[in-house]
Amino acid sequence: MMERVMALRVRRGDEISDRGRRREVKAVRSDRRASGRPAVVLVFKSGPALRMNATDVVQVERGGRRSGREGRR
């Protein structure tokens, strides 16, 4: 199920909807714009990387991994 999150919350393994295509995230890098505002660079398994403002909202389907305390005992 797709959910809307800020770009800074995207993680490796997530799939995002980019211009109607689903793309799997290979890596996420922090960056800064020339204005000093935080940015995020999403690197995909195929195709070019996407640089965006950290607060931009994207459609994400979480990868098949557990987050937080779910996997801990």
PDB file of N, CA and C in Angstrom:
ATOM      1  N   MET A   1       0.846  -1.179   0.000  1.00  0.00           N
ATOM      2  CA  MET A   1       0.000   0.000   0.000  1.00  0.00           C
ATOM      3  C   MET A   1       0.893   1.245   0.000  1.00  0.00           C
ATOM      4  N   MET A   2       0.591   2.174  -0.863  1.00  0.00           N
ATOM      5  CA  MET A   2       1.359   3.413  -0.973  1.00  0.00           C
ATOM      6  C   MET A   2       0.944   4.376   0.137  1.00  0.00           C
ATOM      7  N   GLU A   3       1.930   5.094   0.675  1.00  0.00           N
ATOM      8  CA  GLU A   3       1.654   6.130   1.667  1.00  0.00           C
ATOM      9  C   GLU A   3       2.440   7.380   1.297  1.00  0.00           C
ATOM     10  N   ARG A   4       1.996   8.504   1.785  1.00  0.00           N
ATOM     11  CA  ARG A   4       2.662   9.775   1.507  1.00  0.00           C
ATOM     12  C   ARG A   4       3.584  10.107   2.667  1.00  0.00           C
ATOM     13  N   VAL A   5       4.874  10.335   2.357  1.00  0.00           N
ATOM     14  CA  VAL A   5       5.856  10.696   3.375  1.00  0.00           C
ATOM     15  C   VAL A   5       6.772  11.783   2.829  1.00  0.00           C
ATOM     16  N   MET A   6       7.434  12.500   3.743  1.00  0.00           N
ATOM     17  CA  MET A   6       8.422  13.483   3.311  1.00  0.00           C
ATOM     18  C   MET A   6       9.644  12.745   2.765  1.00  0.00           C
ATOM     19  N   ALA A   7      10.321  13.351   1.831  1.00  0.00           N
ATOM     20  CA  ALA A   7      11.465  12.731   1.177  1.00  0.00           C
ATOM     21  C   ALA A   7      12.537  12.313   2.180  1.00  0.00           C
ATOM     22  N   LEU A   8      12.703  13.046   3.254  1.00  0.00           N
ATOM     23  CA  LEU A   8      13.735  12.701   4.235  1.00  0.00           C
ATOM     24  C   LEU A   8      13.433  11.408   4.975  1.00  0.00           C
ATOM     25  N   ARG A   9      12.214  10.886   4.867  1.00  0.00           N
ATOM     26  CA  ARG A   9      11.826   9.626   5.516  1.00  0.00           C
ATOM     27  C   ARG A   9      11.971   8.409   4.603  1.00  0.00           C
ATOM     28  N   VAL A  10      12.327   8.617   3.339  1.00  0.00           N
ATOM     29  CA  VAL A  10      12.503   7.510   2.394  1.00  0.00           C
ATOM     30  C   VAL A  10      13.775   6.754   2.762  1.00  0.00           C
ATOM     31  N   ARG A  11      13.731   5.429   2.648  1.00  0.00           N
ATOM     32  CA  ARG A  11      14.870   4.572   2.992  1.00  0.00           C
ATOM     33  C   ARG A  11      15.162   3.580   1.874  1.00  0.00           C
ATOM     34  N   ARG A  12      16.350   3.032   1.920  1.00  0.00           N
ATOM     35  CA  ARG A  12      16.760   2.023   0.944  1.00  0.00           C
ATOM     36  C   ARG A  12      15.749   0.874   0.948  1.00  0.00           C
ATOM     37  N   GLY A  13      15.392   0.408  -0.234  1.00  0.00           N
ATOM     38  CA  GLY A  13      14.437  -0.685  -0.359  1.00  0.00           C
ATOM     39  C   GLY A  13      13.013  -0.223  -0.589  1.00  0.00           C
ATOM     40  N   ASP A  14      12.718   1.054  -0.292  1.00  0.00           N
ATOM     41  CA  ASP A  14      11.381   1.589  -0.551  1.00  0.00           C
ATOM     42  C   ASP A  14      11.175   1.731  -2.053  1.00  0.00           C
ATOM     43  N   GLU A  15       9.928   1.704  -2.478  1.00  0.00           N
ATOM     44  CA  GLU A  15       9.580   2.018  -3.862  1.00  0.00           C
ATOM     45  C   GLU A  15       8.817   3.321  -3.852  1.00  0.00           C
ATOM     46  N   ILE A  16       9.211   4.238  -4.738  1.00  0.00           N
ATOM     47  CA  ILE A  16       8.479   5.494  -4.818  1.00  0.00           C
ATOM     48  C   ILE A  16       7.809   5.604  -6.181  1.00  0.00           C
ATOM     49  N   SER A  17       6.771   6.399  -6.220  1.00  0.00           N
ATOM     50  CA  SER A  17       6.085   6.677  -7.467  1.00  0.00           C
ATOM     51  C   SER A  17       6.670   7.965  -8.028  1.00  0.00           C
ATOM     52  N   ASP A  18       7.346   7.857  -9.180  1.00  0.00           N
ATOM     53  CA  ASP A  18       7.983   9.002  -9.825  1.00  0.00           C
ATOM     54  C   ASP A  18       7.410   9.151 -11.225  1.00  0.00           C
ATOM     55  N   ARG A  19       6.587  10.175 -11.402  1.00  0.00           N
ATOM     56  CA  ARG A  19       5.940  10.438 -12.692  1.00  0.00           C
ATOM     57  C   ARG A  19       5.193   9.217 -13.226  1.00  0.00           C
ATOM     58  N   GLY A  20       4.491   8.540 -12.326  1.00  0.00           N
ATOM     59  CA  GLY A  20       3.676   7.398 -12.719  1.00  0.00           C
ATOM     60  C   GLY A  20       4.420   6.073 -12.771  1.00  0.00           C
ATOM     61  N   ARG A  21       5.733   6.096 -12.565  1.00  0.00           N
ATOM     62  CA  ARG A  21       6.516   4.855 -12.566  1.00  0.00           C
ATOM     63  C   ARG A  21       6.938   4.535 -11.144  1.00  0.00           C
ATOM     64  N   ARG A  22       6.989   3.245 -10.827  1.00  0.00           N
ATOM     65  CA  ARG A  22       7.487   2.823  -9.519  1.00  0.00           C
ATOM     66  C   ARG A  22       8.971   2.531  -9.644  1.00  0.00           C
ATOM     67  N   ARG A  23       9.749   3.137  -8.748  1.00  0.00           N
ATOM     68  CA  ARG A  23      11.208   2.987  -8.792  1.00  0.00           C
ATOM     69  C   ARG A  23      11.710   2.561  -7.421  1.00  0.00           C
ATOM     70  N   GLU A  24      12.593   1.545  -7.386  1.00  0.00           N
ATOM     71  CA  GLU A  24      13.136   1.059  -6.123  1.00  0.00           C
ATOM     72  C   GLU A  24      14.368   1.856  -5.719  1.00  0.00           C
ATOM     73  N   VAL A  25      14.382   2.306  -4.474  1.00  0.00           N
ATOM     74  CA  VAL A  25      15.467   3.131  -3.953  1.00  0.00           C
ATOM     75  C   VAL A  25      16.653   2.240  -3.568  1.00  0.00           C
ATOM     76  N   LYS A  26      17.811   2.558  -4.125  1.00  0.00           N
ATOM     77  CA  LYS A  26      19.049   1.838  -3.822  1.00  0.00           C
ATOM     78  C   LYS A  26      19.804   2.511  -2.677  1.00  0.00           C
ATOM     79  N   ALA A  27      19.788   3.854  -2.638  1.00  0.00           N
ATOM     80  CA  ALA A  27      20.486   4.607  -1.596  1.00  0.00           C
ATOM     81  C   ALA A  27      19.825   5.970  -1.429  1.00  0.00           C
ATOM     82  N   VAL A  28      19.984   6.537  -0.238  1.00  0.00           N
ATOM     83  CA  VAL A  28      19.474   7.871   0.075  1.00  0.00           C
ATOM     84  C   VAL A  28      20.640   8.679   0.629  1.00  0.00           C
ATOM     85  N   ARG A  29      20.846   9.856   0.073  1.00  0.00           N
ATOM     86  CA  ARG A  29      21.951  10.710   0.515  1.00  0.00           C
ATOM     87  C   ARG A  29      21.416  12.071   0.937  1.00  0.00           C
ATOM     88  N   SER A  30      21.968  12.599   1.999  1.00  0.00           N
ATOM     89  CA  SER A  30      21.618  13.955   2.448  1.00  0.00           C
ATOM     90  C   SER A  30      22.448  14.952   1.658  1.00  0.00           C
ATOM     91  N   ASP A  31      21.877  16.115   1.406  1.00  0.00           N
ATOM     92  CA  ASP A  31      22.551  17.151   0.620  1.00  0.00           C
ATOM     93  C   ASP A  31      22.024  18.496   1.087  1.00  0.00           C
ATOM     94  N   ARG A  32      22.571  19.557   0.537  1.00  0.00           N
ATOM     95  CA  ARG A  32      22.089  20.921   0.812  1.00  0.00           C
ATOM     96  C   ARG A  32      21.941  21.664  -0.507  1.00  0.00           C
ATOM     97  N   ARG A  33      20.911  22.445  -0.603  1.00  0.00           N
ATOM     98  CA  ARG A  33      20.723  23.324  -1.754  1.00  0.00           C
ATOM     99  C   ARG A  33      21.669  24.508  -1.615  1.00  0.00           C
ATOM    100  N   ALA A  34      21.868  25.253  -2.695  1.00  0.00           N
ATOM    101  CA  ALA A  34      22.724  26.449  -2.650  1.00  0.00           C
ATOM    102  C   ALA A  34      22.195  27.452  -1.626  1.00  0.00           C
ATOM    103  N   SER A  35      20.883  27.444  -1.416  1.00  0.00           N
ATOM    104  CA  SER A  35      20.268  28.355  -0.449  1.00  0.00           C
ATOM    105  C   SER A  35      20.495  27.911   0.997  1.00  0.00           C
ATOM    106  N   GLY A  36      21.062  26.715   1.183  1.00  0.00           N
ATOM    107  CA  GLY A  36      21.291  26.189   2.519  1.00  0.00           C
ATOM    108  C   GLY A  36      20.197  25.269   3.019  1.00  0.00           C
ATOM    109  N   ARG A  37      19.101  25.177   2.279  1.00  0.00           N
ATOM    110  CA  ARG A  37      18.004  24.297   2.682  1.00  0.00           C
ATOM    111  C   ARG A  37      18.402  22.839   2.500  1.00  0.00           C
ATOM    112  N   PRO A  38      17.934  21.962   3.392  1.00  0.00           N
ATOM    113  CA  PRO A  38      18.269  20.542   3.267  1.00  0.00           C
ATOM    114  C   PRO A  38      17.621  19.922   2.030  1.00  0.00           C
ATOM    115  N   ALA A  39      18.346  18.996   1.429  1.00  0.00           N
ATOM    116  CA  ALA A  39      17.863  18.269   0.259  1.00  0.00           C
ATOM    117  C   ALA A  39      18.174  16.791   0.438  1.00  0.00           C
ATOM    118  N   VAL A  40      17.560  15.970  -0.394  1.00  0.00           N
ATOM    119  CA  VAL A  40      17.765  14.528  -0.386  1.00  0.00           C
ATOM    120  C   VAL A  40      18.027  14.089  -1.816  1.00  0.00           C
ATOM    121  N   VAL A  41      18.990  13.192  -2.007  1.00  0.00           N
ATOM    122  CA  VAL A  41      19.247  12.590  -3.313  1.00  0.00           C
ATOM    123  C   VAL A  41      18.839  11.130  -3.216  1.00  0.00           C
ATOM    124  N   LEU A  42      17.854  10.737  -4.029  1.00  0.00           N
ATOM    125  CA  LEU A  42      17.414   9.351  -4.073  1.00  0.00           C
ATOM    126  C   LEU A  42      18.115   8.679  -5.251  1.00  0.00           C
ATOM    127  N   VAL A  43      18.845   7.601  -4.963  1.00  0.00           N
ATOM    128  CA  VAL A  43      19.541   6.833  -5.993  1.00  0.00           C
ATOM    129  C   VAL A  43      18.729   5.565  -6.213  1.00  0.00           C
ATOM    130  N   PHE A  44      18.413   5.284  -7.466  1.00  0.00           N
ATOM    131  CA  PHE A  44      17.554   4.146  -7.781  1.00  0.00           C
ATOM    132  C   PHE A  44      18.349   2.983  -8.362  1.00  0.00           C
ATOM    133  N   LYS A  45      17.759   1.791  -8.317  1.00  0.00           N
ATOM    134  CA  LYS A  45      18.417   0.611  -8.880  1.00  0.00           C
ATOM    135  C   LYS A  45      18.604   0.754 -10.378  1.00  0.00           C
ATOM    136  N   SER A  46      17.733   1.498 -11.039  1.00  0.00           N
ATOM    137  CA  SER A  46      17.898   1.769 -12.469  1.00  0.00           C
ATOM    138  C   SER A  46      17.438   3.190 -12.754  1.00  0.00           C
ATOM    139  N   GLY A  47      18.065   3.812 -13.712  1.00  0.00           N
ATOM    140  CA  GLY A  47      17.712   5.178 -14.089  1.00  0.00           C
ATOM    141  C   GLY A  47      18.469   6.213 -13.281  1.00  0.00           C
ATOM    142  N   PRO A  48      18.261   7.471 -13.628  1.00  0.00           N
ATOM    143  CA  PRO A  48      18.997   8.565 -12.976  1.00  0.00           C
ATOM    144  C   PRO A  48      18.510   8.824 -11.546  1.00  0.00           C
ATOM    145  N   ALA A  49      19.381   9.428 -10.742  1.00  0.00           N
ATOM    146  CA  ALA A  49      19.040   9.814  -9.372  1.00  0.00           C
ATOM    147  C   ALA A  49      18.078  10.998  -9.399  1.00  0.00           C
ATOM    148  N   LEU A  50      17.431  11.231  -8.286  1.00  0.00           N
ATOM    149  CA  LEU A  50      16.470  12.323  -8.163  1.00  0.00           C
ATOM    150  C   LEU A  50      16.834  13.154  -6.941  1.00  0.00           C
ATOM    151  N   ARG A  51      17.075  14.449  -7.150  1.00  0.00           N
ATOM    152  CA  ARG A  51      17.391  15.373  -6.052  1.00  0.00           C
ATOM    153  C   ARG A  51      16.149  16.191  -5.755  1.00  0.00           C
ATOM    154  N   MET A  52      15.782  16.275  -4.478  1.00  0.00           N
ATOM    155  CA  MET A  52      14.569  17.000  -4.101  1.00  0.00           C
ATOM    156  C   MET A  52      14.732  17.617  -2.722  1.00  0.00           C
ATOM    157  N   ASN A  53      13.870  18.572  -2.413  1.00  0.00           N
ATOM    158  CA  ASN A  53      13.867  19.164  -1.085  1.00  0.00           C
ATOM    159  C   ASN A  53      13.513  18.092  -0.062  1.00  0.00           C
ATOM    160  N   ALA A  54      14.126  18.140   1.095  1.00  0.00           N
ATOM    161  CA  ALA A  54      13.901  17.130   2.130  1.00  0.00           C
ATOM    162  C   ALA A  54      12.450  17.084   2.584  1.00  0.00           C
ATOM    163  N   THR A  55      11.742  18.207   2.470  1.00  0.00           N
ATOM    164  CA  THR A  55      10.358  18.265   2.939  1.00  0.00           C
ATOM    165  C   THR A  55       9.330  17.983   1.841  1.00  0.00           C
ATOM    166  N   ASP A  56       9.779  17.715   0.614  1.00  0.00           N
ATOM    167  CA  ASP A  56       8.840  17.350  -0.457  1.00  0.00           C
ATOM    168  C   ASP A  56       8.142  16.041  -0.098  1.00  0.00           C
ATOM    169  N   VAL A  57       6.878  15.919  -0.472  1.00  0.00           N
ATOM    170  CA  VAL A  57       6.105  14.720  -0.170  1.00  0.00           C
ATOM    171  C   VAL A  57       6.127  13.798  -1.385  1.00  0.00           C
ATOM    172  N   VAL A  58       6.380  12.504  -1.123  1.00  0.00           N
ATOM    173  CA  VAL A  58       6.404  11.499  -2.191  1.00  0.00           C
ATOM    174  C   VAL A  58       5.518  10.321  -1.809  1.00  0.00           C
ATOM    175  N   GLN A  59       5.055   9.591  -2.822  1.00  0.00           N
ATOM    176  CA  GLN A  59       4.290   8.365  -2.614  1.00  0.00           C
ATOM    177  C   GLN A  59       5.277   7.220  -2.442  1.00  0.00           C
ATOM    178  N   VAL A  60       5.166   6.474  -1.339  1.00  0.00           N
ATOM    179  CA  VAL A  60       6.134   5.422  -1.018  1.00  0.00           C
ATOM    180  C   VAL A  60       5.412   4.128  -0.670  1.00  0.00           C
ATOM    181  N   GLU A  61       5.987   3.030  -1.144  1.00  0.00           N
ATOM    182  CA  GLU A  61       5.598   1.717  -0.631  1.00  0.00           C
ATOM    183  C   GLU A  61       6.827   1.188   0.082  1.00  0.00           C
ATOM    184  N   ARG A  62       6.665   0.889   1.346  1.00  0.00           N
ATOM    185  CA  ARG A  62       7.796   0.446   2.151  1.00  0.00           C
ATOM    186  C   ARG A  62       8.322  -0.889   1.661  1.00  0.00           C
ATOM    187  N   GLY A  63       9.673  -1.008   1.698  1.00  0.00           N
ATOM    188  CA  GLY A  63      10.325  -2.262   1.314  1.00  0.00           C
ATOM    189  C   GLY A  63       9.986  -3.358   2.307  1.00  0.00           C
ATOM    190  N   GLY A  64      10.393  -4.576   2.016  1.00  0.00           N
ATOM    191  CA  GLY A  64      10.054  -5.726   2.839  1.00  0.00           C
ATOM    192  C   GLY A  64      10.921  -5.869   4.060  1.00  0.00           C
ATOM    193  N   ARG A  65      11.070  -4.810   4.827  1.00  0.00           N
ATOM    194  CA  ARG A  65      11.890  -4.879   6.029  1.00  0.00           C
ATOM    195  C   ARG A  65      11.096  -4.323   7.194  1.00  0.00           C
ATOM    196  N   ARG A  66      11.479  -4.728   8.380  1.00  0.00           N
ATOM    197  CA  ARG A  66      10.806  -4.234   9.577  1.00  0.00           C
ATOM    198  C   ARG A  66      11.465  -2.944  10.031  1.00  0.00           C
ATOM    199  N   SER A  67      10.691  -2.109  10.653  1.00  0.00           N
ATOM    200  CA  SER A  67      11.234  -0.856  11.177  1.00  0.00           C
ATOM    201  C   SER A  67      10.965  -0.754  12.669  1.00  0.00           C
ATOM    202  N   GLY A  68      11.730   0.067  13.331  1.00  0.00           N
ATOM    203  CA  GLY A  68      11.506   0.300  14.752  1.00  0.00           C
ATOM    204  C   GLY A  68      11.726  -0.924  15.592  1.00  0.00           C
ATOM    205  N   ARG A  69      10.837  -1.154  16.544  1.00  0.00           N
ATOM    206  CA  ARG A  69      10.987  -2.256  17.505  1.00  0.00           C
ATOM    207  C   ARG A  69      10.294  -3.533  17.072  1.00  0.00           C
ATOM    208  N   GLU A  70       9.640  -3.546  15.922  1.00  0.00           N
ATOM    209  CA  GLU A  70       8.861  -4.716  15.500  1.00  0.00           C
ATOM    210  C   GLU A  70       9.679  -5.995  15.477  1.00  0.00           C
ATOM    211  N   GLY A  71      10.932  -5.919  14.997  1.00  0.00           N
ATOM    212  CA  GLY A  71      11.741  -7.109  14.851  1.00  0.00           C
ATOM    213  C   GLY A  71      12.565  -7.463  16.078  1.00  0.00           C
ATOM    214  N   ARG A  72      12.495  -6.646  17.140  1.00  0.00           N
ATOM    215  CA  ARG A  72      13.302  -6.888  18.340  1.00  0.00           C
ATOM    216  C   ARG A  72      12.531  -7.649  19.394  1.00  0.00           C
ATOM    217  N   ARG A  73      13.259  -8.464  20.141  1.00  0.00           N
ATOM    218  CA  ARG A  73      12.649  -9.200  21.263  1.00  0.00           C
ATOM    219  C   ARG A  73      13.498  -9.060  22.476  1.00  0.00           C
TER     220      ARG A  73
END
